Amino acid sequence: GNNTRTDKIKFMMYFNAAFVHLATCCYFGQMLSNE
């Protein structure tokens, strides 16, 4: 019931944070290598 829903939301939040972290690293990496 409620537990599965909160677990899914928690997982999505972790996944979102990891994705943003990766995207930011790649973005800054490209910026640094361009200079």
PDB file of N, CA and C in Angstrom:
ATOM      1  N   GLY A   1       0.822  -1.218   0.000  1.00  0.00           N
ATOM      2  CA  GLY A   1       0.000   0.000   0.000  1.00  0.00           C
ATOM      3  C   GLY A   1       0.846   1.253   0.000  1.00  0.00           C
ATOM      4  N   ASN A   2       0.872   1.955   1.134  1.00  0.00           N
ATOM      5  CA  ASN A   2       1.585   3.230   1.194  1.00  0.00           C
ATOM      6  C   ASN A   2       3.084   3.057   1.051  1.00  0.00           C
ATOM      7  N   ASN A   3       3.615   1.982   1.633  1.00  0.00           N
ATOM      8  CA  ASN A   3       5.061   1.784   1.600  1.00  0.00           C
ATOM      9  C   ASN A   3       5.591   1.713   0.179  1.00  0.00           C
ATOM     10  N   THR A   4       4.931   0.961  -0.693  1.00  0.00           N
ATOM     11  CA  THR A   4       5.405   0.817  -2.062  1.00  0.00           C
ATOM     12  C   THR A   4       5.416   2.172  -2.763  1.00  0.00           C
ATOM     13  N   ARG A   5       4.406   2.982  -2.494  1.00  0.00           N
ATOM     14  CA  ARG A   5       4.319   4.270  -3.165  1.00  0.00           C
ATOM     15  C   ARG A   5       5.466   5.185  -2.728  1.00  0.00           C
ATOM     16  N   THR A   6       5.727   5.257  -1.425  1.00  0.00           N
ATOM     17  CA  THR A   6       6.805   6.126  -0.948  1.00  0.00           C
ATOM     18  C   THR A   6       8.143   5.608  -1.436  1.00  0.00           C
ATOM     19  N   ASP A   7       8.295   4.280  -1.505  1.00  0.00           N
ATOM     20  CA  ASP A   7       9.548   3.716  -2.011  1.00  0.00           C
ATOM     21  C   ASP A   7       9.766   4.125  -3.456  1.00  0.00           C
ATOM     22  N   LYS A   8       8.698   4.093  -4.241  1.00  0.00           N
ATOM     23  CA  LYS A   8       8.821   4.461  -5.658  1.00  0.00           C
ATOM     24  C   LYS A   8       9.187   5.942  -5.782  1.00  0.00           C
ATOM     25  N   ILE A   9       8.555   6.781  -4.976  1.00  0.00           N
ATOM     26  CA  ILE A   9       8.849   8.213  -5.021  1.00  0.00           C
ATOM     27  C   ILE A   9      10.293   8.456  -4.597  1.00  0.00           C
ATOM     28  N   LYS A  10      10.732   7.744  -3.547  1.00  0.00           N
ATOM     29  CA  LYS A  10      12.110   7.903  -3.083  1.00  0.00           C
ATOM     30  C   LYS A  10      13.082   7.484  -4.171  1.00  0.00           C
ATOM     31  N   PHE A  11      12.758   6.378  -4.844  1.00  0.00           N
ATOM     32  CA  PHE A  11      13.623   5.890  -5.916  1.00  0.00           C
ATOM     33  C   PHE A  11      13.694   6.902  -7.047  1.00  0.00           C
ATOM     34  N   MET A  12      12.553   7.480  -7.407  1.00  0.00           N
ATOM     35  CA  MET A  12      12.539   8.461  -8.492  1.00  0.00           C
ATOM     36  C   MET A  12      13.367   9.692  -8.110  1.00  0.00           C
ATOM     37  N   MET A  13      13.293  10.087  -6.829  1.00  0.00           N
ATOM     38  CA  MET A  13      14.066  11.244  -6.381  1.00  0.00           C
ATOM     39  C   MET A  13      15.561  10.957  -6.473  1.00  0.00           C
ATOM     40  N   TYR A  14      15.964   9.749  -6.034  1.00  0.00           N
ATOM     41  CA  TYR A  14      17.375   9.376  -6.123  1.00  0.00           C
ATOM     42  C   TYR A  14      17.814   9.322  -7.575  1.00  0.00           C
ATOM     43  N   PHE A  15      16.962   8.739  -8.436  1.00  0.00           N
ATOM     44  CA  PHE A  15      17.295   8.621  -9.857  1.00  0.00           C
ATOM     45  C   PHE A  15      17.437  10.006 -10.473  1.00  0.00           C
ATOM     46  N   ASN A  16      16.524  10.908 -10.138  1.00  0.00           N
ATOM     47  CA  ASN A  16      16.580  12.283 -10.652  1.00  0.00           C
ATOM     48  C   ASN A  16      17.872  12.961 -10.230  1.00  0.00           C
ATOM     49  N   ALA A  17      18.221  12.833  -8.946  1.00  0.00           N
ATOM     50  CA  ALA A  17      19.435  13.477  -8.434  1.00  0.00           C
ATOM     51  C   ALA A  17      20.671  12.927  -9.143  1.00  0.00           C
ATOM     52  N   ALA A  18      20.711  11.609  -9.330  1.00  0.00           N
ATOM     53  CA  ALA A  18      21.859  10.994  -9.999  1.00  0.00           C
ATOM     54  C   ALA A  18      21.951  11.475 -11.443  1.00  0.00           C
ATOM     55  N   PHE A  19      20.796  11.567 -12.117  1.00  0.00           N
ATOM     56  CA  PHE A  19      20.792  12.006 -13.511  1.00  0.00           C
ATOM     57  C   PHE A  19      21.273  13.446 -13.628  1.00  0.00           C
ATOM     58  N   VAL A  20      20.767  14.303 -12.746  1.00  0.00           N
ATOM     59  CA  VAL A  20      21.186  15.712 -12.770  1.00  0.00           C
ATOM     60  C   VAL A  20      22.678  15.814 -12.478  1.00  0.00           C
ATOM     61  N   HIS A  21      23.158  15.005 -11.529  1.00  0.00           N
ATOM     62  CA  HIS A  21      24.574  15.025 -11.178  1.00  0.00           C
ATOM     63  C   HIS A  21      25.418  14.631 -12.386  1.00  0.00           C
ATOM     64  N   LEU A  22      25.009  13.564 -13.059  1.00  0.00           N
ATOM     65  CA  LEU A  22      25.748  13.112 -14.242  1.00  0.00           C
ATOM     66  C   LEU A  22      25.725  14.174 -15.330  1.00  0.00           C
ATOM     67  N   ALA A  23      24.543  14.742 -15.585  1.00  0.00           N
ATOM     68  CA  ALA A  23      24.412  15.749 -16.638  1.00  0.00           C
ATOM     69  C   ALA A  23      25.290  16.955 -16.335  1.00  0.00           C
ATOM     70  N   THR A  24      25.311  17.375 -15.061  1.00  0.00           N
ATOM     71  CA  THR A  24      26.125  18.527 -14.688  1.00  0.00           C
ATOM     72  C   THR A  24      27.607  18.225 -14.887  1.00  0.00           C
ATOM     73  N   CYS A  25      28.022  17.019 -14.495  1.00  0.00           N
ATOM     74  CA  CYS A  25      29.435  16.644 -14.658  1.00  0.00           C
ATOM     75  C   CYS A  25      29.811  16.655 -16.138  1.00  0.00           C
ATOM     76  N   CYS A  26      28.971  16.066 -16.959  1.00  0.00           N
ATOM     77  CA  CYS A  26      29.263  16.027 -18.401  1.00  0.00           C
ATOM     78  C   CYS A  26      29.302  17.441 -18.967  1.00  0.00           C
ATOM     79  N   TYR A  27      28.345  18.280 -18.551  1.00  0.00           N
ATOM     80  CA  TYR A  27      28.269  19.643 -19.059  1.00  0.00           C
ATOM     81  C   TYR A  27      29.527  20.427 -18.717  1.00  0.00           C
ATOM     82  N   PHE A  28      29.933  20.382 -17.446  1.00  0.00           N
ATOM     83  CA  PHE A  28      31.127  21.117 -17.031  1.00  0.00           C
ATOM     84  C   PHE A  28      32.378  20.510 -17.660  1.00  0.00           C
ATOM     85  N   GLY A  29      32.375  19.183 -17.819  1.00  0.00           N
ATOM     86  CA  GLY A  29      33.512  18.524 -18.448  1.00  0.00           C
ATOM     87  C   GLY A  29      33.702  19.018 -19.872  1.00  0.00           C
ATOM     88  N   GLN A  30      32.597  19.166 -20.596  1.00  0.00           N
ATOM     89  CA  GLN A  30      32.687  19.664 -21.969  1.00  0.00           C
ATOM     90  C   GLN A  30      33.164  21.110 -21.987  1.00  0.00           C
ATOM     91  N   MET A  31      32.639  21.907 -21.069  1.00  0.00           N
ATOM     92  CA  MET A  31      33.039  23.314 -21.006  1.00  0.00           C
ATOM     93  C   MET A  31      34.535  23.440 -20.743  1.00  0.00           C
ATOM     94  N   LEU A  32      35.041  22.615 -19.801  1.00  0.00           N
ATOM     95  CA  LEU A  32      36.464  22.698 -19.457  1.00  0.00           C
ATOM     96  C   LEU A  32      37.331  22.227 -20.614  1.00  0.00           C
ATOM     97  N   SER A  33      36.892  21.182 -21.315  1.00  0.00           N
ATOM     98  CA  SER A  33      37.719  20.649 -22.403  1.00  0.00           C
ATOM     99  C   SER A  33      37.670  21.554 -23.629  1.00  0.00           C
ATOM    100  N   ASN A  34      36.640  22.406 -23.721  1.00  0.00           N
ATOM    101  CA  ASN A  34      36.528  23.298 -24.873  1.00  0.00           C
ATOM    102  C   ASN A  34      37.550  24.426 -24.804  1.00  0.00           C
ATOM    103  N   GLU A  35      37.912  24.824 -23.587  1.00  0.00           N
ATOM    104  CA  GLU A  35      38.825  25.964 -23.453  1.00  0.00           C
ATOM    105  C   GLU A  35      40.266  25.601 -23.752  1.00  0.00           C
TER     106      GLU A  35
END
